[in-house]
N, C-alpha and C. Protein backbone atom coordinates (compact mmCIF):
# COMPACT_ATOMS: atom_id res chain seq x y z
N MET A 1 0.86 -1.04 0.05
CA MET A 1 -0.09 0.12 0.10
C MET A 1 0.88 1.36 0.18
N THR A 2 0.51 2.22 -1.02
CA THR A 2 1.39 3.44 -1.03
C THR A 2 0.94 4.56 0.03
N MET A 3 1.91 5.14 0.32
CA MET A 3 1.31 6.35 1.49
C MET A 3 1.17 7.42 0.53
N THR A 4 0.00 8.34 0.80
CA THR A 4 -0.23 9.51 0.05
C THR A 4 0.75 10.65 0.92
N LYS A 5 0.86 11.65 -0.18
CA LYS A 5 1.77 12.84 0.24
C LYS A 5 1.30 13.23 1.95
N LYS A 6 -0.15 13.22 1.96
CA LYS A 6 -0.46 13.89 3.12
C LYS A 6 0.01 12.76 4.54
N GLU A 7 -0.09 11.54 4.28
CA GLU A 7 0.56 10.49 5.25
C GLU A 7 1.68 10.68 5.62
N LYS A 8 2.57 10.81 4.43
CA LYS A 8 4.35 11.00 4.57
C LYS A 8 4.27 12.11 5.29
N GLN A 9 3.75 13.37 5.12
CA GLN A 9 3.71 14.51 5.91
C GLN A 9 3.74 14.47 7.48
N LEU A 10 2.45 13.57 7.55
CA LEU A 10 2.11 13.30 8.95
C LEU A 10 2.90 12.53 9.92
N ASN A 11 3.60 11.25 8.97
CA ASN A 11 4.47 10.58 9.75
C ASN A 11 5.89 11.48 9.96
N ASN A 12 6.57 12.26 9.02
CA ASN A 12 7.56 13.15 9.29
C ASN A 12 7.32 14.09 10.48
N LYS A 13 5.98 14.70 10.60
CA LYS A 13 5.69 15.45 11.70
C LYS A 13 5.92 14.51 13.02
N LEU A 14 5.54 13.34 12.99
CA LEU A 14 5.54 12.32 14.37
C LEU A 14 6.83 12.15 14.66
N VAL A 15 7.71 11.91 13.54
CA VAL A 15 9.11 11.91 13.79
C VAL A 15 9.89 13.09 14.27
N ASP A 16 9.46 14.06 13.86
CA ASP A 16 10.04 15.20 14.37
C ASP A 16 9.57 15.74 15.91
N LEU A 17 8.48 15.23 16.27
CA LEU A 17 7.79 15.47 17.65
C LEU A 17 8.89 14.61 18.64
N GLY A 18 9.14 13.23 18.04
CA GLY A 18 9.94 12.48 19.11
C GLY A 18 8.86 11.56 19.85
N CYS A 19 9.60 10.65 20.66
CA CYS A 19 8.82 9.81 21.52
C CYS A 19 7.92 10.71 22.45
N ILE A 20 6.41 10.48 22.55
CA ILE A 20 5.82 11.23 23.13
C ILE A 20 5.94 11.05 24.59
N VAL A 21 6.44 9.78 25.21
CA VAL A 21 6.42 9.42 26.41
C VAL A 21 7.70 10.15 26.94
N CYS A 22 9.04 10.07 26.24
CA CYS A 22 10.15 11.01 26.58
C CYS A 22 9.71 12.26 26.52
N LYS A 23 9.09 12.88 25.53
CA LYS A 23 8.70 14.56 25.59
C LYS A 23 7.89 14.76 26.66
N LEU A 24 6.54 14.04 27.02
CA LEU A 24 5.98 14.41 28.31
C LEU A 24 6.47 14.37 29.84
N TYR A 25 7.40 13.08 29.67
CA TYR A 25 7.68 12.82 31.00
C TYR A 25 9.11 12.91 31.29
N PHE A 26 9.90 13.43 30.41
CA PHE A 26 11.54 13.46 30.48
C PHE A 26 11.78 14.50 29.73
N ASN A 27 10.88 15.35 29.25
CA ASN A 27 11.41 16.50 28.34
C ASN A 27 12.47 16.42 27.38
N VAL A 28 12.56 15.28 26.92
CA VAL A 28 13.79 15.15 25.79
C VAL A 28 13.38 14.73 24.32
N TYR A 29 14.23 14.75 23.67
CA TYR A 29 13.70 14.33 22.32
C TYR A 29 14.47 12.85 22.29
N SER A 30 13.53 11.82 21.73
CA SER A 30 14.14 10.40 21.46
C SER A 30 13.76 10.22 19.91
N PRO A 31 14.45 9.74 19.13
CA PRO A 31 14.23 9.29 17.70
C PRO A 31 12.99 8.18 17.92
N PRO A 32 11.71 8.11 17.35
CA PRO A 32 10.76 7.56 17.51
C PRO A 32 10.62 6.26 16.37
N GLU A 33 10.06 5.08 16.92
CA GLU A 33 9.09 4.16 15.75
C GLU A 33 7.61 4.77 15.99
N LEU A 34 6.98 4.48 14.90
CA LEU A 34 5.62 4.74 15.12
C LEU A 34 4.83 3.55 15.35
N HIS A 35 3.95 3.82 16.46
CA HIS A 35 3.16 2.63 16.95
C HIS A 35 1.89 2.79 16.63
N HIS A 36 1.32 1.85 16.14
CA HIS A 36 -0.35 1.68 15.73
C HIS A 36 -1.02 1.64 16.87
N VAL A 37 -1.63 2.71 17.15
CA VAL A 37 -2.61 2.45 17.96
C VAL A 37 -4.06 1.64 17.80
N LYS A 38 -3.98 0.73 18.76
CA LYS A 38 -5.43 0.19 18.53
C LYS A 38 -6.54 0.64 19.90
N ILE A 39 -7.44 1.07 19.53
CA ILE A 39 -8.55 1.55 20.28
C ILE A 39 -9.41 0.54 20.72
N SER A 40 -9.80 0.38 22.06
CA SER A 40 -10.76 -0.71 22.23
C SER A 40 -11.90 -0.76 21.55
N GLY A 41 -12.38 -1.82 21.05
CA GLY A 41 -13.68 -1.83 20.15
C GLY A 41 -13.53 -1.66 18.87
N GLN A 42 -12.27 -1.14 18.03
CA GLN A 42 -12.33 -1.00 17.09
C GLN A 42 -11.43 -1.97 16.10
N SER A 43 -11.88 -2.17 14.96
CA SER A 43 -11.11 -3.11 14.40
C SER A 43 -9.81 -2.50 13.65
N SER A 44 -8.71 -3.40 13.38
CA SER A 44 -7.55 -3.01 13.18
C SER A 44 -7.60 -2.80 11.48
N MET A 45 -8.72 -3.06 10.81
CA MET A 45 -8.87 -2.93 9.49
C MET A 45 -9.02 -1.60 9.12
N GLY A 46 -8.43 -1.02 8.16
CA GLY A 46 -8.64 0.39 7.82
C GLY A 46 -8.27 1.36 8.51
N LYS A 47 -6.97 1.17 9.30
CA LYS A 47 -6.73 1.85 10.30
C LYS A 47 -5.99 3.36 9.57
N LYS A 48 -6.64 4.61 10.36
CA LYS A 48 -5.90 5.73 9.88
C LYS A 48 -4.71 6.14 10.37
N GLN A 49 -3.95 6.65 9.36
CA GLN A 49 -2.61 7.15 9.51
C GLN A 49 -2.34 8.02 11.06
N ALA A 50 -3.36 8.80 11.34
CA ALA A 50 -3.48 9.84 12.59
C ALA A 50 -3.54 8.78 13.96
N GLU A 51 -3.85 7.45 13.89
CA GLU A 51 -3.88 6.66 14.74
C GLU A 51 -2.37 5.98 15.18
N LYS A 52 -1.38 6.74 15.15
CA LYS A 52 -0.19 6.35 15.57
C LYS A 52 0.28 7.41 16.44
N ILE A 53 1.27 6.84 17.36
CA ILE A 53 1.78 7.58 18.38
C ILE A 53 3.56 7.32 17.98
N PRO A 54 4.51 8.30 18.19
CA PRO A 54 5.95 8.05 18.21
C PRO A 54 6.12 7.76 19.44
N LEU A 55 6.95 6.43 19.38
CA LEU A 55 7.37 6.07 20.66
C LEU A 55 9.06 5.76 20.43
N CYS A 56 9.97 5.87 21.38
CA CYS A 56 11.48 5.46 20.91
C CYS A 56 11.33 3.94 21.06
N PRO A 57 12.55 3.36 20.76
CA PRO A 57 12.61 1.70 20.74
C PRO A 57 12.55 1.42 22.36
N ASN A 58 12.88 1.97 23.41
CA ASN A 58 12.75 1.66 24.47
C ASN A 58 11.25 1.73 25.18
N HIS A 59 10.62 2.71 24.85
CA HIS A 59 9.10 2.74 25.28
C HIS A 59 8.41 1.91 24.25
N HIS A 60 8.73 1.59 23.19
CA HIS A 60 7.96 0.73 22.27
C HIS A 60 8.02 -0.83 22.54
N ARG A 61 9.42 -1.31 22.73
CA ARG A 61 9.75 -2.85 22.70
C ARG A 61 11.02 -3.07 23.16
N ASN A 62 11.71 -2.39 23.72
CA ASN A 62 13.21 -2.85 23.83
C ASN A 62 13.37 -2.63 25.63
N SER A 63 12.41 -2.38 26.53
CA SER A 63 12.61 -2.79 27.84
C SER A 63 11.63 -3.09 28.69
N ALA A 64 12.01 -3.35 30.02
CA ALA A 64 11.01 -4.00 30.90
C ALA A 64 9.49 -2.96 30.89
N MET A 65 9.78 -1.83 30.66
CA MET A 65 8.61 -0.79 30.74
C MET A 65 8.00 -0.82 29.24
N ALA A 66 8.50 -1.18 28.08
CA ALA A 66 8.11 -0.89 27.06
C ALA A 66 6.63 -1.62 26.54
N PHE A 67 5.91 -0.96 25.68
CA PHE A 67 4.45 -1.13 25.51
C PHE A 67 4.55 -2.67 25.23
N HIS A 68 5.29 -2.97 24.21
CA HIS A 68 4.91 -4.29 23.64
C HIS A 68 5.60 -5.65 24.81
N VAL A 69 5.96 -4.92 25.55
CA VAL A 69 6.92 -6.07 26.86
C VAL A 69 5.96 -6.10 27.86
N ASN A 70 5.47 -5.10 28.41
CA ASN A 70 4.55 -4.96 29.57
C ASN A 70 3.63 -3.81 29.37
N ARG A 71 2.70 -4.30 28.68
CA ARG A 71 1.62 -3.22 28.32
C ARG A 71 0.87 -2.83 29.80
N LYS A 72 0.71 -3.55 30.91
CA LYS A 72 0.18 -3.05 31.91
C LYS A 72 0.86 -2.11 32.66
N ALA A 73 2.17 -2.36 32.84
CA ALA A 73 3.32 -1.43 33.52
C ALA A 73 3.23 -0.05 32.86
N PHE A 74 3.10 -0.47 31.43
CA PHE A 74 3.62 1.05 30.59
C PHE A 74 2.38 1.89 30.88
N ASN A 75 1.14 1.24 30.59
CA ASN A 75 -0.18 2.21 30.83
C ASN A 75 -0.36 2.61 32.37
N LYS A 76 0.27 2.11 33.36
CA LYS A 76 0.12 2.68 34.60
C LYS A 76 1.08 3.72 34.64
N ALA A 77 2.43 3.78 34.02
CA ALA A 77 3.29 4.70 34.36
C ALA A 77 3.12 5.86 33.44
N TYR A 78 2.73 5.71 32.10
CA TYR A 78 2.66 6.50 31.07
C TYR A 78 1.24 7.05 30.67
N GLY A 79 0.32 6.04 30.65
CA GLY A 79 -1.01 6.57 30.55
C GLY A 79 -1.52 5.18 29.36
N SER A 80 -2.61 5.33 28.87
CA SER A 80 -3.26 4.67 27.91
C SER A 80 -2.89 4.79 26.50
N GLN A 81 -2.86 4.08 25.53
CA GLN A 81 -2.67 4.63 24.28
C GLN A 81 -3.64 5.70 23.67
N GLU A 82 -5.00 5.97 24.21
CA GLU A 82 -5.71 6.72 23.86
C GLU A 82 -5.27 8.13 24.61
N TYR A 83 -4.75 7.97 25.62
CA TYR A 83 -4.40 9.42 26.13
C TYR A 83 -2.96 9.67 25.41
N LEU A 84 -2.12 9.02 25.41
CA LEU A 84 -1.00 9.26 24.47
C LEU A 84 -1.41 9.86 23.04
N LEU A 85 -2.31 9.28 22.49
CA LEU A 85 -2.71 9.80 21.19
C LEU A 85 -3.26 11.03 21.13
N THR A 86 -3.98 11.38 22.15
CA THR A 86 -4.62 12.68 22.49
C THR A 86 -3.37 13.73 22.72
N LYS A 87 -2.36 13.45 23.16
CA LYS A 87 -1.34 14.41 23.53
C LYS A 87 -0.63 14.61 22.40
N THR A 88 -0.24 13.48 21.71
CA THR A 88 0.38 13.84 20.45
C THR A 88 -0.50 14.58 19.47
N LEU A 89 -1.60 14.33 19.43
CA LEU A 89 -2.39 15.15 18.35
C LEU A 89 -2.39 16.58 18.75
N GLU A 90 -2.57 16.98 20.10
CA GLU A 90 -2.49 18.14 20.55
C GLU A 90 -1.20 18.87 20.26
N LEU A 91 0.01 18.07 20.49
CA LEU A 91 1.23 18.72 20.25
C LEU A 91 1.72 18.91 18.60
N LEU A 92 0.96 18.28 17.97
CA LEU A 92 1.30 18.41 16.33
C LEU A 92 0.60 19.84 16.03
């Protein structure tokens, strides 16, 4: 599936923003990976590009507190995906 120009621009803005957790909680920029948000009750089919949050590798998948390693601990420490998506969109 080819990305549109608008989708590429949004992805670039998310990368420029940096990891939302590092930004909100530690006030630092960390190069992110784009995490696809899955909101409760929504199908993963036809996901919108806006339903992504920028997470650095440590907060995404590479540490004990990473979303894909320990979702419960991540949510308790940093908030839900929905909360982080809201904050990301506010900062864009």
